[in-house]
C-alpha atoms as a PDB file:
ATOM      1  CA  MET A   1      -3.740 124.901  60.925  1.00  0.00           C
ATOM      2  CA  LYS A   2      -2.891 127.946  58.830  1.00  0.00           C
ATOM      3  CA  LEU A   3       0.416 129.701  59.590  1.00  0.00           C
ATOM      4  CA  ILE A   4      -0.491 133.331  60.234  1.00  0.00           C
ATOM      5  CA  CYS A   5       2.946 134.775  60.954  1.00  0.00           C
ATOM      6  CA  ILE A   6       6.619 134.099  61.581  1.00  0.00           C
ATOM      7  CA  ILE A   7       8.295 136.261  64.211  1.00  0.00           C
ATOM      8  CA  GLN A   8      12.022 136.717  64.802  1.00  0.00           C
ATOM      9  CA  PHE A   9      12.517 136.576  68.542  1.00  0.00           C
ATOM     10  CA  LEU A  10      15.438 137.385  70.847  1.00  0.00           C
ATOM     11  CA  LEU A  11      15.898 135.988  74.357  1.00  0.00           C
ATOM     12  CA  ILE A  12      18.186 138.192  76.431  1.00  0.00           C
ATOM     13  CA  VAL A  13      19.647 136.800  79.653  1.00  0.00           C
ATOM     14  CA  LEU A  14      22.955 136.588  81.465  1.00  0.00           C
ATOM     15  CA  ILE A  15      24.964 133.417  81.060  1.00  0.00           C
ATOM     16  CA  PHE A  16      24.012 130.567  83.419  1.00  0.00           C
ATOM     17  CA  LEU A  17      20.371 131.748  83.690  1.00  0.00           C
ATOM     18  CA  GLY A  18      18.770 129.071  81.566  1.00  0.00           C
ATOM     19  CA  LYS A  19      18.280 130.484  78.069  1.00  0.00           C
ATOM     20  CA  THR A  20      18.947 127.126  76.415  1.00  0.00           C
ATOM     21  CA  ALA A  21      16.917 125.265  79.081  1.00  0.00           C
ATOM     22  CA  PHE A  22      14.018 127.644  78.357  1.00  0.00           C
ATOM     23  CA  MET A  23      14.255 126.860  74.649  1.00  0.00           C
ATOM     24  CA  LYS A  24      14.572 123.098  75.165  1.00  0.00           C
ATOM     25  CA  ARG A  25      11.560 123.096  77.503  1.00  0.00           C
ATOM     26  CA  HIS A  26       9.495 124.587  74.688  1.00  0.00           C
ATOM     27  CA  LEU A  27      10.917 122.296  72.008  1.00  0.00           C
ATOM     28  CA  THR A  28      10.825 118.956  73.816  1.00  0.00           C
ATOM     29  CA  GLY A  29       8.781 119.515  76.984  1.00  0.00           C
ATOM     30  CA  GLU A  30      11.746 118.345  79.072  1.00  0.00           C
ATOM     31  CA  PHE A  31      13.823 120.281  81.579  1.00  0.00           C
ATOM     32  CA  VAL A  32      17.575 120.019  81.052  1.00  0.00           C
ATOM     33  CA  ASN A  33      19.516 120.727  84.244  1.00  0.00           C
ATOM     34  CA  GLU A  34      23.044 120.578  82.823  1.00  0.00           C
ATOM     35  CA  TYR A  35      24.824 123.692  81.570  1.00  0.00           C
ATOM     36  CA  ASN A  36      26.247 123.685  78.060  1.00  0.00           C
ATOM     37  CA  PRO A  37      27.178 127.208  76.938  1.00  0.00           C
ATOM     38  CA  THR A  38      25.886 128.416  73.586  1.00  0.00           C
ATOM     39  CA  THR A  39      28.902 128.826  71.319  1.00  0.00           C
ATOM     40  CA  GLU A  40      27.292 129.378  67.935  1.00  0.00           C
ATOM     41  CA  MET A  41      24.029 130.835  66.713  1.00  0.00           C
ATOM     42  CA  VAL A  42      21.130 128.417  66.361  1.00  0.00           C
ATOM     43  CA  VAL A  43      17.720 129.493  65.049  1.00  0.00           C
ATOM     44  CA  GLN A  44      15.012 127.282  66.513  1.00  0.00           C
ATOM     45  CA  PRO A  45      11.355 127.498  65.456  1.00  0.00           C
ATOM     46  CA  LEU A  46       8.817 127.414  68.277  1.00  0.00           C
ATOM     47  CA  ASP A  47       5.230 126.841  67.164  1.00  0.00           C
ATOM     48  CA  PHE A  48       2.192 128.100  69.052  1.00  0.00           C
ATOM     49  CA  PHE A  49      -1.375 127.357  68.017  1.00  0.00           C
ATOM     50  CA  THR A  50      -3.967 130.038  68.670  1.00  0.00           C
ATOM     51  CA  ASN A  51      -7.639 130.395  67.818  1.00  0.00           C
ATOM     52  CA  ARG A  52      -6.512 132.669  64.929  1.00  0.00           C
ATOM     53  CA  GLY A  53      -3.964 130.230  63.517  1.00  0.00           C
ATOM     54  CA  GLN A  54      -0.383 129.055  63.979  1.00  0.00           C
ATOM     55  CA  VAL A  55       2.309 131.512  65.082  1.00  0.00           C
ATOM     56  CA  GLU A  56       5.958 130.543  64.625  1.00  0.00           C
ATOM     57  CA  PHE A  57       8.628 132.253  66.729  1.00  0.00           C
ATOM     58  CA  ASP A  58      12.088 131.837  65.194  1.00  0.00           C
ATOM     59  CA  CYS A  59      14.206 132.039  68.340  1.00  0.00           C
ATOM     60  CA  TRP A  60      17.771 133.210  67.950  1.00  0.00           C
ATOM     61  CA  ASP A  61      19.650 131.193  70.584  1.00  0.00           C
ATOM     62  CA  PHE A  62      23.168 132.543  70.701  1.00  0.00           C
ATOM     63  CA  SER A  63      25.601 134.431  72.881  1.00  0.00           C
ATOM     64  CA  GLY A  64      25.595 137.720  70.918  1.00  0.00           C
ATOM     65  CA  ASN A  65      23.003 140.330  70.013  1.00  0.00           C
ATOM     66  CA  ILE A  66      21.275 141.232  66.741  1.00  0.00           C
ATOM     67  CA  GLY A  67      17.943 142.728  65.740  1.00  0.00           C
ATOM     68  CA  GLY A  68      14.529 141.086  65.862  1.00  0.00           C
ATOM     69  CA  ASP A  69      10.757 141.612  65.949  1.00  0.00           C
ATOM     70  CA  CYS A  70      10.326 141.149  69.710  1.00  0.00           C
ATOM     71  CA  THR A  71      12.245 140.086  72.783  1.00  0.00           C
ATOM     72  CA  ILE A  72      12.026 138.491  76.209  1.00  0.00           C
ATOM     73  CA  ILE A  73      14.321 139.819  78.920  1.00  0.00           C
ATOM     74  CA  MET A  74      14.749 137.160  81.576  1.00  0.00           C
ATOM     75  CA  PHE A  75      16.289 137.450  85.032  1.00  0.00           C
ATOM     76  CA  ASP A  76      16.624 135.107  88.005  1.00  0.00           C
ATOM     77  CA  VAL A  77      14.325 136.025  90.928  1.00  0.00           C
ATOM     78  CA  THR A  78      16.724 134.227  93.305  1.00  0.00           C
ATOM     79  CA  ASP A  79      19.629 136.513  92.294  1.00  0.00           C
ATOM     80  CA  SER A  80      19.046 140.265  92.640  1.00  0.00           C
ATOM     81  CA  VAL A  81      22.206 141.053  90.635  1.00  0.00           C
ATOM     82  CA  THR A  82      20.589 139.639  87.477  1.00  0.00           C
ATOM     83  CA  HIS A  83      17.655 142.030  87.912  1.00  0.00           C
ATOM     84  CA  GLU A  84      20.048 144.990  88.045  1.00  0.00           C
ATOM     85  CA  PHE A  85      20.932 144.376  84.368  1.00  0.00           C
ATOM     86  CA  VAL A  86      17.356 144.951  83.158  1.00  0.00           C
ATOM     87  CA  PRO A  87      17.688 148.726  82.484  1.00  0.00           C
ATOM     88  CA  ALA A  88      20.922 148.187  80.510  1.00  0.00           C
ATOM     89  CA  TRP A  89      19.294 145.429  78.460  1.00  0.00           C
ATOM     90  CA  GLN A  90      16.340 147.719  77.730  1.00  0.00           C
ATOM     91  CA  LYS A  91      18.703 150.395  76.431  1.00  0.00           C
ATOM     92  CA  GLU A  92      20.563 147.878  74.285  1.00  0.00           C
ATOM     93  CA  ILE A  93      17.317 146.556  72.805  1.00  0.00           C
ATOM     94  CA  HIS A  94      16.203 150.095  72.007  1.00  0.00           C
ATOM     95  CA  TRP A  95      19.568 150.847  70.400  1.00  0.00           C
ATOM     96  CA  LEU A  96      19.561 147.651  68.306  1.00  0.00           C
ATOM     97  CA  CYS A  97      15.876 147.338  67.480  1.00  0.00           C
ATOM     98  CA  ASP A  98      14.183 150.634  68.295  1.00  0.00           C
ATOM     99  CA  ASP A  99      10.846 150.069  70.068  1.00  0.00           C
ATOM    100  CA  ILE A 100       9.950 146.403  69.656  1.00  0.00           C
ATOM    101  CA  PRO A 101       7.496 144.519  71.881  1.00  0.00           C
ATOM    102  CA  THR A 102       9.356 143.329  74.968  1.00  0.00           C
ATOM    103  CA  ILE A 103       8.312 141.369  78.037  1.00  0.00           C
ATOM    104  CA  LEU A 104      10.264 140.931  81.257  1.00  0.00           C
ATOM    105  CA  CYS A 105      10.260 137.434  82.794  1.00  0.00           C
ATOM    106  CA  GLY A 106      11.345 136.549  86.299  1.00  0.00           C
ATOM    107  CA  ASN A 107      12.498 132.923  86.189  1.00  0.00           C
ATOM    108  CA  LYS A 108      12.745 130.432  89.082  1.00  0.00           C
ATOM    109  CA  VAL A 109       9.577 131.596  90.863  1.00  0.00           C
ATOM    110  CA  ASP A 110       9.193 128.053  92.188  1.00  0.00           C
ATOM    111  CA  MET A 111      12.237 128.545  94.439  1.00  0.00           C
ATOM    112  CA  ASN A 112      11.916 129.514  98.114  1.00  0.00           C
ATOM    113  CA  ASN A 113      14.898 131.873  98.202  1.00  0.00           C
ATOM    114  CA  GLN A 114      13.472 134.668  96.021  1.00  0.00           C
ATOM    115  CA  GLN A 115      15.347 137.954  96.320  1.00  0.00           C
ATOM    116  CA  VAL A 116      13.418 139.960  93.732  1.00  0.00           C
ATOM    117  CA  ASN A 117       9.687 140.617  93.847  1.00  0.00           C
ATOM    118  CA  VAL A 118       8.630 142.634  90.819  1.00  0.00           C
ATOM    119  CA  ARG A 119       5.273 143.365  89.247  1.00  0.00           C
ATOM    120  CA  GLU A 120       6.145 146.105  86.772  1.00  0.00           C
ATOM    121  CA  VAL A 121       9.564 147.376  85.802  1.00  0.00           C
ATOM    122  CA  GLU A 122      10.544 150.264  83.593  1.00  0.00           C
ATOM    123  CA  ASN A 123       7.326 150.239  81.538  1.00  0.00           C
ATOM    124  CA  LEU A 124       7.663 146.548  80.675  1.00  0.00           C
ATOM    125  CA  GLN A 125       4.968 143.924  80.932  1.00  0.00           C
ATOM    126  CA  TYR A 126       6.080 141.385  83.549  1.00  0.00           C
ATOM    127  CA  CYS A 127       5.473 137.640  83.774  1.00  0.00           C
ATOM    128  CA  GLU A 128       6.653 135.183  86.415  1.00  0.00           C
ATOM    129  CA  ILE A 129       7.881 131.861  85.034  1.00  0.00           C
ATOM    130  CA  SER A 130       9.674 128.685  86.036  1.00  0.00           C
ATOM    131  CA  VAL A 131      11.431 126.783  83.304  1.00  0.00           C
ATOM    132  CA  LYS A 132      12.136 123.909  85.683  1.00  0.00           C
ATOM    133  CA  SER A 133       8.529 123.384  86.798  1.00  0.00           C
ATOM    134  CA  ASN A 134       7.070 124.409  83.396  1.00  0.00           C
ATOM    135  CA  TYR A 135       5.106 127.272  84.987  1.00  0.00           C
ATOM    136  CA  ASN A 136       3.830 130.022  82.646  1.00  0.00           C
ATOM    137  CA  ILE A 137       6.482 129.408  79.985  1.00  0.00           C
ATOM    138  CA  GLU A 138       4.049 129.973  77.102  1.00  0.00           C
ATOM    139  CA  LYS A 139       2.608 133.226  78.449  1.00  0.00           C
ATOM    140  CA  PRO A 140       5.456 135.507  77.290  1.00  0.00           C
ATOM    141  CA  PHE A 141       5.064 134.194  73.738  1.00  0.00           C
ATOM    142  CA  LEU A 142       1.306 134.652  73.761  1.00  0.00           C
ATOM    143  CA  TYR A 143       1.734 138.227  74.977  1.00  0.00           C
ATOM    144  CA  LEU A 144       4.275 138.994  72.237  1.00  0.00           C
ATOM    145  CA  ALA A 145       2.141 137.363  69.529  1.00  0.00           C
ATOM    146  CA  ARG A 146      -0.835 139.467  70.586  1.00  0.00           C
ATOM    147  CA  MET A 147       1.246 142.635  70.640  1.00  0.00           C
ATOM    148  CA  LEU A 148       2.611 141.989  67.156  1.00  0.00           C
ATOM    149  CA  ALA A 149      -0.806 141.041  65.788  1.00  0.00           C
ATOM    150  CA  GLY A 150      -2.455 144.090  67.342  1.00  0.00           C
ATOM    151  CA  ILE A 151      -4.830 142.015  69.458  1.00  0.00           C
ATOM    152  CA  SER A 152      -6.058 143.829  72.545  1.00  0.00           C
ATOM    153  CA  PHE A 153      -5.918 142.137  75.925  1.00  0.00           C
ATOM    154  CA  THR A 154      -5.844 142.904  79.625  1.00  0.00           C
ATOM    155  CA  ASN A 155      -3.057 142.373  82.133  1.00  0.00           C
ATOM    156  CA  LYS A 156      -5.067 139.442  83.546  1.00  0.00           C
ATOM    157  CA  ASP A 157      -4.454 137.596  80.267  1.00  0.00           C
ATOM    158  CA  ILE A 158      -0.801 137.033  81.227  1.00  0.00           C
ATOM    159  CA  GLU A 159      -0.945 136.916  85.029  1.00  0.00           C
END
């Protein structure tokens, strides 16, 4: 399939929230439950195949921040403190990257002890995911690919 674009992508989360598990789920299809902190930058390509061609997201998996074409902000729905960081992350993204396509993801929606119930936050598109149960983990990427390609869609496309 023809490669139609390569996108630099940032994943912004607090430590211990599953950034590397999210990436490994996409790369291998497996859920890794052990925590190994990211200590150096690793760029990992994630390929998605659409009816318009292949889209490659080059994911910057690291513990610092740099610029990019788009970003996912992820928080833990079982920990309300992680959600409180969302406005600060939005400001940092705007400062580093201006106005790039961004989607907010609430992770761990398969858990019974949810403390945060969000549909829309601070003008961000929102998507519920579970890295552990493999629920909706491709939807944030599809949303970002459509935004960057200028493809129109409705909110139902990512619900």
